[in-house]
PDB file of N, CA and C in Angstrom:
ATOM      1  N   MET A   1     -11.967   0.505   2.906  1.00  0.00           N
ATOM      2  CA  MET A   1     -12.596  -0.694   2.506  1.00  0.00           C
ATOM      3  C   MET A   1     -13.464  -0.405   1.295  1.00  0.00           C
ATOM      4  N   TYR A   2     -12.855   0.182   0.281  1.00  0.00           N
ATOM      5  CA  TYR A   2     -13.561   0.514  -0.939  1.00  0.00           C
ATOM      6  C   TYR A   2     -12.689   0.021  -2.079  1.00  0.00           C
ATOM      7  N   CYS A   3     -13.365   0.091  -3.264  1.00  0.00           N
ATOM      8  CA  CYS A   3     -12.709  -0.318  -4.494  1.00  0.00           C
ATOM      9  C   CYS A   3     -11.689   0.675  -4.803  1.00  0.00           C
ATOM     10  N   ARG A   4     -10.786   0.352  -5.591  1.00  0.00           N
ATOM     11  CA  ARG A   4      -9.709   1.319  -6.158  1.00  0.00           C
ATOM     12  C   ARG A   4     -10.215   2.590  -6.678  1.00  0.00           C
ATOM     13  N   GLN A   5     -11.186   2.608  -7.526  1.00  0.00           N
ATOM     14  CA  GLN A   5     -11.779   3.781  -8.202  1.00  0.00           C
ATOM     15  C   GLN A   5     -12.351   4.623  -7.082  1.00  0.00           C
ATOM     16  N   GLN A   6     -12.980   4.223  -6.118  1.00  0.00           N
ATOM     17  CA  GLN A   6     -13.560   5.067  -5.072  1.00  0.00           C
ATOM     18  C   GLN A   6     -12.493   5.705  -4.220  1.00  0.00           C
ATOM     19  N   LEU A   7     -11.420   4.920  -3.976  1.00  0.00           N
ATOM     20  CA  LEU A   7     -10.333   5.572  -3.291  1.00  0.00           C
ATOM     21  C   LEU A   7      -9.840   6.763  -4.072  1.00  0.00           C
ATOM     22  N   ALA A   8      -9.667   6.553  -5.318  1.00  0.00           N
ATOM     23  CA  ALA A   8      -9.185   7.726  -6.208  1.00  0.00           C
ATOM     24  C   ALA A   8     -10.215   8.802  -6.236  1.00  0.00           C
ATOM     25  N   ASP A   9     -11.496   8.452  -6.237  1.00  0.00           N
ATOM     26  CA  ASP A   9     -12.462   9.535  -6.178  1.00  0.00           C
ATOM     27  C   ASP A   9     -12.423  10.334  -5.008  1.00  0.00           C
ATOM     28  N   PHE A  10     -12.239   9.672  -3.810  1.00  0.00           N
ATOM     29  CA  PHE A  10     -12.144  10.332  -2.485  1.00  0.00           C
ATOM     30  C   PHE A  10     -10.928  11.234  -2.548  1.00  0.00           C
ATOM     31  N   ASN A  11      -9.901  10.688  -2.970  1.00  0.00           N
ATOM     32  CA  ASN A  11      -8.597  11.489  -3.080  1.00  0.00           C
ATOM     33  C   ASN A  11      -8.789  12.944  -3.790  1.00  0.00           C
ATOM     34  N   ALA A  12      -9.679  12.861  -4.909  1.00  0.00           N
ATOM     35  CA  ALA A  12      -9.844  14.093  -5.656  1.00  0.00           C
ATOM     36  C   ALA A  12     -10.697  15.061  -4.849  1.00  0.00           C
ATOM     37  N   VAL A  13     -11.402  14.744  -3.903  1.00  0.00           N
ATOM     38  CA  VAL A  13     -12.296  15.692  -3.066  1.00  0.00           C
ATOM     39  C   VAL A  13     -11.579  16.091  -1.718  1.00  0.00           C
ATOM     40  N   VAL A  14     -10.363  15.736  -1.500  1.00  0.00           N
ATOM     41  CA  VAL A  14      -9.734  16.096  -0.319  1.00  0.00           C
ATOM     42  C   VAL A  14      -9.759  17.588  -0.086  1.00  0.00           C
ATOM     43  N   PRO A  15      -9.363  18.423  -1.109  1.00  0.00           N
ATOM     44  CA  PRO A  15      -9.323  19.809  -0.876  1.00  0.00           C
ATOM     45  C   PRO A  15     -10.838  20.322  -0.481  1.00  0.00           C
ATOM     46  N   LEU A  16     -11.848  19.810  -0.997  1.00  0.00           N
ATOM     47  CA  LEU A  16     -13.122  20.219  -0.627  1.00  0.00           C
ATOM     48  C   LEU A  16     -13.473  19.780   0.848  1.00  0.00           C
ATOM     49  N   LEU A  17     -13.080  18.654   1.247  1.00  0.00           N
ATOM     50  CA  LEU A  17     -13.277  18.116   2.583  1.00  0.00           C
ATOM     51  C   LEU A  17     -12.415  19.042   3.518  1.00  0.00           C
ATOM     52  N   ASP A  18     -11.206  19.441   3.205  1.00  0.00           N
ATOM     53  CA  ASP A  18     -10.447  20.234   4.044  1.00  0.00           C
ATOM     54  C   ASP A  18     -11.123  21.540   4.282  1.00  0.00           C
ATOM     55  N   GLU A  19     -11.963  22.137   3.285  1.00  0.00           N
ATOM     56  CA  GLU A  19     -12.607  23.292   3.537  1.00  0.00           C
ATOM     57  C   GLU A  19     -13.695  23.130   4.531  1.00  0.00           C
ATOM     58  N   HIS A  20     -14.113  21.858   4.878  1.00  0.00           N
ATOM     59  CA  HIS A  20     -15.077  21.620   5.877  1.00  0.00           C
ATOM     60  C   HIS A  20     -14.466  20.967   7.072  1.00  0.00           C
ATOM     61  N   ASP A  21     -13.085  21.172   7.228  1.00  0.00           N
ATOM     62  CA  ASP A  21     -12.310  20.696   8.391  1.00  0.00           C
ATOM     63  C   ASP A  21     -12.589  19.179   8.640  1.00  0.00           C
ATOM     64  N   THR A  22     -12.561  18.452   7.489  1.00  0.00           N
ATOM     65  CA  THR A  22     -12.894  17.029   7.553  1.00  0.00           C
ATOM     66  C   THR A  22     -11.747  16.204   7.029  1.00  0.00           C
ATOM     67  N   LYS A  23     -11.506  15.076   7.600  1.00  0.00           N
ATOM     68  CA  LYS A  23     -10.419  14.165   7.211  1.00  0.00           C
ATOM     69  C   LYS A  23     -10.945  12.837   6.826  1.00  0.00           C
ATOM     70  N   ILE A  24     -10.210  12.156   5.909  1.00  0.00           N
ATOM     71  CA  ILE A  24     -10.530  10.850   5.456  1.00  0.00           C
ATOM     72  C   ILE A  24      -9.467   9.968   5.887  1.00  0.00           C
ATOM     73  N   VAL A  25      -9.816   8.704   6.277  1.00  0.00           N
ATOM     74  CA  VAL A  25      -8.961   7.685   6.512  1.00  0.00           C
ATOM     75  C   VAL A  25      -9.518   6.424   5.987  1.00  0.00           C
ATOM     76  N   ALA A  26      -8.682   5.627   5.267  1.00  0.00           N
ATOM     77  CA  ALA A  26      -9.101   4.390   4.584  1.00  0.00           C
ATOM     78  C   ALA A  26      -8.397   3.216   5.365  1.00  0.00           C
ATOM     79  N   LEU A  27      -9.088   2.038   5.346  1.00  0.00           N
ATOM     80  CA  LEU A  27      -8.459   0.921   5.940  1.00  0.00           C
ATOM     81  C   LEU A  27      -8.530  -0.296   5.035  1.00  0.00           C
ATOM     82  N   SER A  28      -7.422  -1.053   4.930  1.00  0.00           N
ATOM     83  CA  SER A  28      -7.329  -2.123   4.116  1.00  0.00           C
ATOM     84  C   SER A  28      -6.875  -3.368   4.948  1.00  0.00           C
ATOM     85  N   ALA A  29      -7.382  -4.583   4.549  1.00  0.00           N
ATOM     86  CA  ALA A  29      -6.886  -5.771   5.072  1.00  0.00           C
ATOM     87  C   ALA A  29      -5.682  -6.314   4.507  1.00  0.00           C
ATOM     88  N   ASP A  30      -5.324  -5.712   3.389  1.00  0.00           N
ATOM     89  CA  ASP A  30      -4.068  -6.211   2.659  1.00  0.00           C
ATOM     90  C   ASP A  30      -2.879  -5.796   3.618  1.00  0.00           C
ATOM     91  N   ASP A  31      -1.746  -6.476   3.316  1.00  0.00           N
ATOM     92  CA  ASP A  31      -0.608  -6.333   4.015  1.00  0.00           C
ATOM     93  C   ASP A  31       0.129  -4.933   3.638  1.00  0.00           C
ATOM     94  N   ARG A  32       1.102  -4.541   4.252  1.00  0.00           N
ATOM     95  CA  ARG A  32       1.745  -3.199   4.157  1.00  0.00           C
ATOM     96  C   ARG A  32       2.204  -3.006   2.665  1.00  0.00           C
ATOM     97  N   ASP A  33       2.932  -3.941   2.102  1.00  0.00           N
ATOM     98  CA  ASP A  33       3.489  -3.773   0.684  1.00  0.00           C
ATOM     99  C   ASP A  33       2.334  -3.689  -0.288  1.00  0.00           C
ATOM    100  N   THR A  34       1.347  -4.568  -0.226  1.00  0.00           N
ATOM    101  CA  THR A  34       0.275  -4.614  -1.184  1.00  0.00           C
ATOM    102  C   THR A  34      -0.565  -3.315  -1.055  1.00  0.00           C
ATOM    103  N   THR A  35      -0.767  -2.862   0.153  1.00  0.00           N
ATOM    104  CA  THR A  35      -1.460  -1.513   0.355  1.00  0.00           C
ATOM    105  C   THR A  35      -0.681  -0.340  -0.188  1.00  0.00           C
ATOM    106  N   GLN A  36       0.622  -0.398   0.109  1.00  0.00           N
ATOM    107  CA  GLN A  36       1.505   0.734  -0.491  1.00  0.00           C
ATOM    108  C   GLN A  36       1.554   0.703  -1.902  1.00  0.00           C
ATOM    109  N   SER A  37       1.601  -0.484  -2.452  1.00  0.00           N
ATOM    110  CA  SER A  37       1.652  -0.522  -3.955  1.00  0.00           C
ATOM    111  C   SER A  37       0.307   0.098  -4.593  1.00  0.00           C
ATOM    112  N   MET A  38      -0.752  -0.246  -3.928  1.00  0.00           N
ATOM    113  CA  MET A  38      -2.046   0.278  -4.449  1.00  0.00           C
ATOM    114  C   MET A  38      -2.018   1.835  -4.260  1.00  0.00           C
ATOM    115  N   VAL A  39      -1.628   2.334  -3.074  1.00  0.00           N
ATOM    116  CA  VAL A  39      -1.568   3.708  -2.869  1.00  0.00           C
ATOM    117  C   VAL A  39      -0.659   4.456  -3.853  1.00  0.00           C
ATOM    118  N   ASP A  40       0.500   3.820  -4.123  1.00  0.00           N
ATOM    119  CA  ASP A  40       1.375   4.374  -5.093  1.00  0.00           C
ATOM    120  C   ASP A  40       0.777   4.455  -6.531  1.00  0.00           C
ATOM    121  N   GLY A  41       0.137   3.281  -6.892  1.00  0.00           N
ATOM    122  CA  GLY A  41      -0.399   3.207  -8.265  1.00  0.00           C
ATOM    123  C   GLY A  41      -1.520   4.111  -8.485  1.00  0.00           C
ATOM    124  N   LEU A  42      -2.407   4.401  -7.444  1.00  0.00           N
ATOM    125  CA  LEU A  42      -3.416   5.322  -7.533  1.00  0.00           C
ATOM    126  C   LEU A  42      -3.007   6.758  -7.291  1.00  0.00           C
ATOM    127  N   ARG A  43      -1.825   6.968  -6.910  1.00  0.00           N
ATOM    128  CA  ARG A  43      -1.281   8.396  -6.472  1.00  0.00           C
ATOM    129  C   ARG A  43      -2.119   8.921  -5.412  1.00  0.00           C
ATOM    130  N   LEU A  44      -2.454   8.133  -4.416  1.00  0.00           N
ATOM    131  CA  LEU A  44      -3.257   8.636  -3.276  1.00  0.00           C
ATOM    132  C   LEU A  44      -2.284   9.280  -2.345  1.00  0.00           C
ATOM    133  N   GLY A  45      -2.552  10.506  -1.967  1.00  0.00           N
ATOM    134  CA  GLY A  45      -1.679  11.245  -1.141  1.00  0.00           C
ATOM    135  C   GLY A  45      -2.490  12.210  -0.244  1.00  0.00           C
ATOM    136  N   GLY A  46      -3.764  12.181  -0.479  1.00  0.00           N
ATOM    137  CA  GLY A  46      -4.612  13.252   0.355  1.00  0.00           C
ATOM    138  C   GLY A  46      -5.017  12.685   1.679  1.00  0.00           C
ATOM    139  N   TYR A  47      -4.879  11.403   1.862  1.00  0.00           N
ATOM    140  CA  TYR A  47      -5.301  10.799   3.183  1.00  0.00           C
ATOM    141  C   TYR A  47      -4.631   9.458   3.463  1.00  0.00           C
ATOM    142  N   PRO A  48      -4.447   9.081   4.837  1.00  0.00           N
ATOM    143  CA  PRO A  48      -3.884   7.849   5.132  1.00  0.00           C
ATOM    144  C   PRO A  48      -4.701   6.668   4.666  1.00  0.00           C
ATOM    145  N   VAL A  49      -3.988   5.608   4.259  1.00  0.00           N
ATOM    146  CA  VAL A  49      -4.639   4.321   4.004  1.00  0.00           C
ATOM    147  C   VAL A  49      -3.888   3.364   4.911  1.00  0.00           C
ATOM    148  N   LEU A  50      -4.558   2.920   5.949  1.00  0.00           N
ATOM    149  CA  LEU A  50      -4.009   1.977   6.937  1.00  0.00           C
ATOM    150  C   LEU A  50      -3.992   0.530   6.318  1.00  0.00           C
ATOM    151  N   HIS A  51      -3.185  -0.287   6.798  1.00  0.00           N
ATOM    152  CA  HIS A  51      -3.007  -1.639   6.273  1.00  0.00           C
ATOM    153  C   HIS A  51      -3.152  -2.754   7.376  1.00  0.00           C
ATOM    154  N   SER A  52      -3.203  -3.965   6.866  1.00  0.00           N
ATOM    155  CA  SER A  52      -3.121  -5.085   7.768  1.00  0.00           C
ATOM    156  C   SER A  52      -4.303  -5.175   8.748  1.00  0.00           C
ATOM    157  N   ALA A  53      -5.458  -4.706   8.400  1.00  0.00           N
ATOM    158  CA  ALA A  53      -6.567  -4.746   9.321  1.00  0.00           C
ATOM    159  C   ALA A  53      -7.017  -6.205   9.640  1.00  0.00           C
ATOM    160  N   ASP A  54      -7.281  -6.350  10.915  1.00  0.00           N
ATOM    161  CA  ASP A  54      -7.830  -7.621  11.366  1.00  0.00           C
ATOM    162  C   ASP A  54      -9.318  -7.690  10.984  1.00  0.00           C
ATOM    163  N   THR A  55      -9.646  -8.453   9.911  1.00  0.00           N
ATOM    164  CA  THR A  55     -11.154  -8.355   9.425  1.00  0.00           C
ATOM    165  C   THR A  55     -12.176  -8.823  10.446  1.00  0.00           C
ATOM    166  N   GLU A  56     -11.788  -9.776  11.260  1.00  0.00           N
ATOM    167  CA  GLU A  56     -12.685 -10.178  12.365  1.00  0.00           C
ATOM    168  C   GLU A  56     -12.873  -9.116  13.344  1.00  0.00           C
ATOM    169  N   ARG A  57     -11.827  -8.422  13.744  1.00  0.00           N
ATOM    170  CA  ARG A  57     -11.974  -7.338  14.693  1.00  0.00           C
ATOM    171  C   ARG A  57     -12.795  -6.176  14.073  1.00  0.00           C
ATOM    172  N   VAL A  58     -12.445  -5.781  12.841  1.00  0.00           N
ATOM    173  CA  VAL A  58     -13.192  -4.677  12.269  1.00  0.00           C
ATOM    174  C   VAL A  58     -14.703  -5.071  12.132  1.00  0.00           C
ATOM    175  N   HIS A  59     -15.035  -6.287  11.892  1.00  0.00           N
ATOM    176  CA  HIS A  59     -16.469  -6.784  11.786  1.00  0.00           C
ATOM    177  C   HIS A  59     -16.995  -6.582  13.164  1.00  0.00           C
ATOM    178  N   GLU A  60     -16.437  -7.070  14.261  1.00  0.00           N
ATOM    179  CA  GLU A  60     -16.944  -6.998  15.566  1.00  0.00           C
ATOM    180  C   GLU A  60     -17.184  -5.503  16.022  1.00  0.00           C
ATOM    181  N   LEU A  61     -16.205  -4.637  15.715  1.00  0.00           N
ATOM    182  CA  LEU A  61     -16.326  -3.191  16.108  1.00  0.00           C
ATOM    183  C   LEU A  61     -17.351  -2.285  15.223  1.00  0.00           C
ATOM    184  N   THR A  62     -17.461  -2.717  13.940  1.00  0.00           N
ATOM    185  CA  THR A  62     -18.203  -1.788  13.042  1.00  0.00           C
ATOM    186  C   THR A  62     -19.472  -2.508  12.416  1.00  0.00           C
ATOM    187  N   GLY A  63     -19.485  -3.835  12.412  1.00  0.00           N
ATOM    188  CA  GLY A  63     -20.514  -4.498  11.769  1.00  0.00           C
ATOM    189  C   GLY A  63     -20.190  -4.704  10.214  1.00  0.00           C
ATOM    190  N   ALA A  64     -18.949  -4.448   9.827  1.00  0.00           N
ATOM    191  CA  ALA A  64     -18.586  -4.582   8.385  1.00  0.00           C
ATOM    192  C   ALA A  64     -18.795  -6.008   8.056  1.00  0.00           C
ATOM    193  N   ILE A  65     -19.290  -6.197   6.793  1.00  0.00           N
ATOM    194  CA  ILE A  65     -19.584  -7.609   6.206  1.00  0.00           C
ATOM    195  C   ILE A  65     -18.268  -8.157   5.734  1.00  0.00           C
ATOM    196  N   ILE A  66     -17.951  -9.434   6.178  1.00  0.00           N
ATOM    197  CA  ILE A  66     -16.770 -10.205   5.719  1.00  0.00           C
ATOM    198  C   ILE A  66     -17.263 -11.146   4.554  1.00  0.00           C
ATOM    199  N   GLU A  67     -16.603 -11.166   3.530  1.00  0.00           N
ATOM    200  CA  GLU A  67     -16.760 -12.217   2.489  1.00  0.00           C
ATOM    201  C   GLU A  67     -15.888 -13.381   2.988  1.00  0.00           C
ATOM    202  N   PRO A  68     -16.497 -14.454   3.341  1.00  0.00           N
ATOM    203  CA  PRO A  68     -15.740 -15.507   3.943  1.00  0.00           C
ATOM    204  C   PRO A  68     -14.686 -16.219   3.120  1.00  0.00           C
ATOM    205  N   ASP A  69     -14.820 -16.161   1.839  1.00  0.00           N
ATOM    206  CA  ASP A  69     -13.812 -16.776   0.911  1.00  0.00           C
ATOM    207  C   ASP A  69     -13.555 -15.771  -0.168  1.00  0.00           C
ATOM    208  N   PRO A  70     -12.517 -15.001  -0.150  1.00  0.00           N
ATOM    209  CA  PRO A  70     -11.258 -15.164   0.406  1.00  0.00           C
ATOM    210  C   PRO A  70     -10.959 -14.509   1.756  1.00  0.00           C
ATOM    211  N   GLY A  71     -11.939 -13.915   2.426  1.00  0.00           N
ATOM    212  CA  GLY A  71     -11.800 -13.309   3.754  1.00  0.00           C
ATOM    213  C   GLY A  71     -11.626 -11.825   3.634  1.00  0.00           C
ATOM    214  N   PHE A  72     -12.260 -11.171   2.763  1.00  0.00           N
ATOM    215  CA  PHE A  72     -12.055  -9.755   2.695  1.00  0.00           C
ATOM    216  C   PHE A  72     -13.269  -8.981   3.211  1.00  0.00           C
ATOM    217  N   LEU A  73     -13.128  -7.695   3.526  1.00  0.00           N
ATOM    218  CA  LEU A  73     -14.190  -6.877   4.148  1.00  0.00           C
ATOM    219  C   LEU A  73     -14.991  -6.201   2.811  1.00  0.00           C
ATOM    220  N   HIS A  74     -16.223  -6.188   2.861  1.00  0.00           N
ATOM    221  CA  HIS A  74     -16.992  -5.467   1.924  1.00  0.00           C
ATOM    222  C   HIS A  74     -16.932  -3.947   2.248  1.00  0.00           C
ATOM    223  N   ALA A  75     -17.282  -3.144   1.226  1.00  0.00           N
ATOM    224  CA  ALA A  75     -17.062  -1.662   1.475  1.00  0.00           C
ATOM    225  C   ALA A  75     -18.064  -1.209   2.662  1.00  0.00           C
ATOM    226  N   THR A  76     -17.455  -0.495   3.451  1.00  0.00           N
ATOM    227  CA  THR A  76     -18.111   0.022   4.584  1.00  0.00           C
ATOM    228  C   THR A  76     -17.640   1.492   4.784  1.00  0.00           C
ATOM    229  N   GLY A  77     -18.537   2.418   4.938  1.00  0.00           N
ATOM    230  CA  GLY A  77     -18.272   3.860   5.030  1.00  0.00           C
ATOM    231  C   GLY A  77     -18.985   4.522   6.147  1.00  0.00           C
ATOM    232  N   PHE A  78     -18.225   5.477   6.853  1.00  0.00           N
ATOM    233  CA  PHE A  78     -18.817   6.074   7.951  1.00  0.00           C
ATOM    234  C   PHE A  78     -18.494   7.615   7.872  1.00  0.00           C
ATOM    235  N   VAL A  79     -19.413   8.462   8.184  1.00  0.00           N
ATOM    236  CA  VAL A  79     -19.220   9.894   8.526  1.00  0.00           C
ATOM    237  C   VAL A  79     -19.421   9.969  10.027  1.00  0.00           C
ATOM    238  N   LEU A  80     -18.341  10.476  10.685  1.00  0.00           N
ATOM    239  CA  LEU A  80     -18.366  10.740  12.130  1.00  0.00           C
ATOM    240  C   LEU A  80     -18.539  12.129  12.443  1.00  0.00           C
ATOM    241  N   ARG A  81     -19.292  12.343  13.606  1.00  0.00           N
ATOM    242  CA  ARG A  81     -19.495  13.712  14.145  1.00  0.00           C
ATOM    243  C   ARG A  81     -18.115  14.062  14.783  1.00  0.00           C
ATOM    244  N   PRO A  82     -17.962  15.336  15.162  1.00  0.00           N
ATOM    245  CA  PRO A  82     -16.740  15.736  15.886  1.00  0.00           C
ATOM    246  C   PRO A  82     -16.485  14.933  17.154  1.00  0.00           C
ATOM    247  N   ASP A  83     -17.549  14.537  17.865  1.00  0.00           N
ATOM    248  CA  ASP A  83     -17.345  13.773  19.003  1.00  0.00           C
ATOM    249  C   ASP A  83     -17.158  12.271  18.840  1.00  0.00           C
ATOM    250  N   GLY A  84     -17.017  11.811  17.609  1.00  0.00           N
ATOM    251  CA  GLY A  84     -16.770  10.412  17.298  1.00  0.00           C
ATOM    252  C   GLY A  84     -17.890   9.595  17.108  1.00  0.00           C
ATOM    253  N   THR A  85     -19.062  10.045  17.284  1.00  0.00           N
ATOM    254  CA  THR A  85     -20.280   9.205  17.121  1.00  0.00           C
ATOM    255  C   THR A  85     -20.520   9.132  15.628  1.00  0.00           C
ATOM    256  N   VAL A  86     -21.222   8.018  15.202  1.00  0.00           N
ATOM    257  CA  VAL A  86     -21.415   7.859  13.767  1.00  0.00           C
ATOM    258  C   VAL A  86     -22.804   8.630  13.415  1.00  0.00           C
ATOM    259  N   ALA A  87     -22.535   9.446  12.435  1.00  0.00           N
ATOM    260  CA  ALA A  87     -23.638  10.287  11.863  1.00  0.00           C
ATOM    261  C   ALA A  87     -24.281   9.606  10.587  1.00  0.00           C
ATOM    262  N   HIS A  88     -23.441   8.835   9.914  1.00  0.00           N
ATOM    263  CA  HIS A  88     -23.862   8.158   8.698  1.00  0.00           C
ATOM    264  C   HIS A  88     -22.998   6.877   8.453  1.00  0.00           C
ATOM    265  N   ALA A  89     -23.696   5.792   8.235  1.00  0.00           N
ATOM    266  CA  ALA A  89     -23.027   4.576   7.929  1.00  0.00           C
ATOM    267  C   ALA A  89     -23.630   3.874   6.683  1.00  0.00           C
ATOM    268  N   VAL A  90     -22.812   3.366   5.895  1.00  0.00           N
ATOM    269  CA  VAL A  90     -23.104   2.634   4.664  1.00  0.00           C
ATOM    270  C   VAL A  90     -22.425   1.289   4.599  1.00  0.00           C
ATOM    271  N   TYR A  91     -23.268   0.184   4.493  1.00  0.00           N
ATOM    272  CA  TYR A  91     -22.688  -1.075   4.298  1.00  0.00           C
ATOM    273  C   TYR A  91     -23.159  -1.557   2.912  1.00  0.00           C
ATOM    274  N   ALA A  92     -22.163  -2.149   2.139  1.00  0.00           N
ATOM    275  CA  ALA A  92     -22.457  -2.580   0.703  1.00  0.00           C
ATOM    276  C   ALA A  92     -21.782  -3.876   0.500  1.00  0.00           C
ATOM    277  N   THR A  93     -22.429  -4.773  -0.213  1.00  0.00           N
ATOM    278  CA  THR A  93     -21.914  -6.099  -0.535  1.00  0.00           C
ATOM    279  C   THR A  93     -21.558  -6.010  -2.038  1.00  0.00           C
ATOM    280  N   GLY A  94     -21.773  -4.999  -2.728  1.00  0.00           N
ATOM    281  CA  GLY A  94     -21.475  -4.870  -4.209  1.00  0.00           C
ATOM    282  C   GLY A  94     -21.267  -3.452  -4.597  1.00  0.00           C
ATOM    283  N   PRO A  95     -21.122  -3.126  -5.807  1.00  0.00           N
ATOM    284  CA  PRO A  95     -20.775  -1.880  -6.255  1.00  0.00           C
ATOM    285  C   PRO A  95     -21.786  -0.722  -6.115  1.00  0.00           C
ATOM    286  N   ILE A  96     -23.043  -1.097  -5.880  1.00  0.00           N
ATOM    287  CA  ILE A  96     -24.162  -0.266  -5.675  1.00  0.00           C
ATOM    288  C   ILE A  96     -24.394   0.068  -4.178  1.00  0.00           C
ATOM    289  N   GLY A  97     -24.664   1.350  -3.868  1.00  0.00           N
ATOM    290  CA  GLY A  97     -25.077   1.692  -2.542  1.00  0.00           C
ATOM    291  C   GLY A  97     -23.832   2.064  -1.623  1.00  0.00           C
ATOM    292  N   ARG A  98     -22.717   2.321  -2.161  1.00  0.00           N
ATOM    293  CA  ARG A  98     -21.592   2.740  -1.359  1.00  0.00           C
ATOM    294  C   ARG A  98     -21.664   4.260  -1.107  1.00  0.00           C
ATOM    295  N   LEU A  99     -20.856   4.578  -0.027  1.00  0.00           N
ATOM    296  CA  LEU A  99     -20.784   5.970   0.288  1.00  0.00           C
ATOM    297  C   LEU A  99     -19.895   6.653  -0.690  1.00  0.00           C
ATOM    298  N   THR A 100     -20.385   7.625  -1.496  1.00  0.00           N
ATOM    299  CA  THR A 100     -19.559   8.230  -2.496  1.00  0.00           C
ATOM    300  C   THR A 100     -18.986   9.579  -1.984  1.00  0.00           C
ATOM    301  N   PRO A 101     -18.037  10.264  -2.650  1.00  0.00           N
ATOM    302  CA  PRO A 101     -17.441  11.509  -2.175  1.00  0.00           C
ATOM    303  C   PRO A 101     -18.675  12.508  -2.197  1.00  0.00           C
ATOM    304  N   VAL A 102     -19.531  12.516  -3.149  1.00  0.00           N
ATOM    305  CA  VAL A 102     -20.569  13.528  -3.186  1.00  0.00           C
ATOM    306  C   VAL A 102     -21.551  13.334  -1.936  1.00  0.00           C
ATOM    307  N   ASP A 103     -21.912  12.040  -1.655  1.00  0.00           N
ATOM    308  CA  ASP A 103     -22.771  11.738  -0.582  1.00  0.00           C
ATOM    309  C   ASP A 103     -22.052  12.227   0.732  1.00  0.00           C
ATOM    310  N   THR A 104     -20.797  11.966   0.834  1.00  0.00           N
ATOM    311  CA  THR A 104     -20.015  12.284   2.071  1.00  0.00           C
ATOM    312  C   THR A 104     -20.048  13.855   2.243  1.00  0.00           C
ATOM    313  N   LEU A 105     -19.796  14.675   1.110  1.00  0.00           N
ATOM    314  CA  LEU A 105     -19.771  15.941   1.263  1.00  0.00           C
ATOM    315  C   LEU A 105     -21.213  16.614   1.697  1.00  0.00           C
ATOM    316  N   ARG A 106     -22.296  15.981   1.093  1.00  0.00           N
ATOM    317  CA  ARG A 106     -23.578  16.362   1.466  1.00  0.00           C
ATOM    318  C   ARG A 106     -23.891  16.110   2.963  1.00  0.00           C
ATOM    319  N   SER A 107     -23.512  14.952   3.346  1.00  0.00           N
ATOM    320  CA  SER A 107     -23.654  14.567   4.820  1.00  0.00           C
ATOM    321  C   SER A 107     -22.942  15.505   5.640  1.00  0.00           C
ATOM    322  N   ILE A 108     -21.760  15.860   5.367  1.00  0.00           N
ATOM    323  CA  ILE A 108     -21.001  16.790   6.220  1.00  0.00           C
ATOM    324  C   ILE A 108     -21.549  18.085   6.213  1.00  0.00           C
ATOM    325  N   GLU A 109     -21.896  18.617   5.013  1.00  0.00           N
ATOM    326  CA  GLU A 109     -22.479  20.013   4.952  1.00  0.00           C
ATOM    327  C   GLU A 109     -23.823  20.096   5.735  1.00  0.00           C
ATOM    328  N   SER A 110     -24.589  19.027   5.710  1.00  0.00           N
ATOM    329  CA  SER A 110     -25.812  18.987   6.526  1.00  0.00           C
ATOM    330  C   SER A 110     -25.552  18.893   7.994  1.00  0.00           C
ATOM    331  N   LEU A 111     -24.559  18.171   8.333  1.00  0.00           N
ATOM    332  CA  LEU A 111     -24.229  18.146   9.795  1.00  0.00           C
ATOM    333  C   LEU A 111     -23.769  19.505  10.271  1.00  0.00           C
ATOM    334  N   GLN A 112     -22.868  20.105   9.424  1.00  0.00           N
ATOM    335  CA  GLN A 112     -22.340  21.423   9.857  1.00  0.00           C
ATOM    336  C   GLN A 112     -23.327  22.481   9.826  1.00  0.00           C
ATOM    337  N   ARG A 113     -24.414  22.412   9.062  1.00  0.00           N
ATOM    338  CA  ARG A 113     -25.448  23.295   8.907  1.00  0.00           C
ATOM    339  C   ARG A 113     -26.535  23.140  10.101  1.00  0.00           C
ATOM    340  N   TRP A 114     -26.887  21.818  10.210  1.00  0.00           N
ATOM    341  CA  TRP A 114     -28.055  21.592  11.042  1.00  0.00           C
ATOM    342  C   TRP A 114     -27.715  20.821  12.331  1.00  0.00           C
ATOM    343  N   GLY A 115     -26.399  20.398  12.437  1.00  0.00           N
ATOM    344  CA  GLY A 115     -26.009  19.688  13.679  1.00  0.00           C
ATOM    345  C   GLY A 115     -26.355  18.317  13.540  1.00  0.00           C
TER     346      GLY A 115
END
């Protein structure tokens, strides 16, 4: 649920995340073909980008903010602990305040160092 540039930025840090035994998954509300076109255009290959997300269900489960017209999810990012609980969550309705690759790496390094 991030803009195209951020998806590309995360793709660039996949090797660093692999060193921390960490995986990325992205989720899009776009249909399969639109999502695949974006993945191909950005040359994303380091992590899966899931498609056809039910925006209402994602909102219910995560608190992600929905823009009612045209019905898209605003950027929402999570760092999960190995047990699946949320260690870090970021909700943004604009380009400022999103979870960046650098922030993600810092969060993971801190969790792995201090628990």
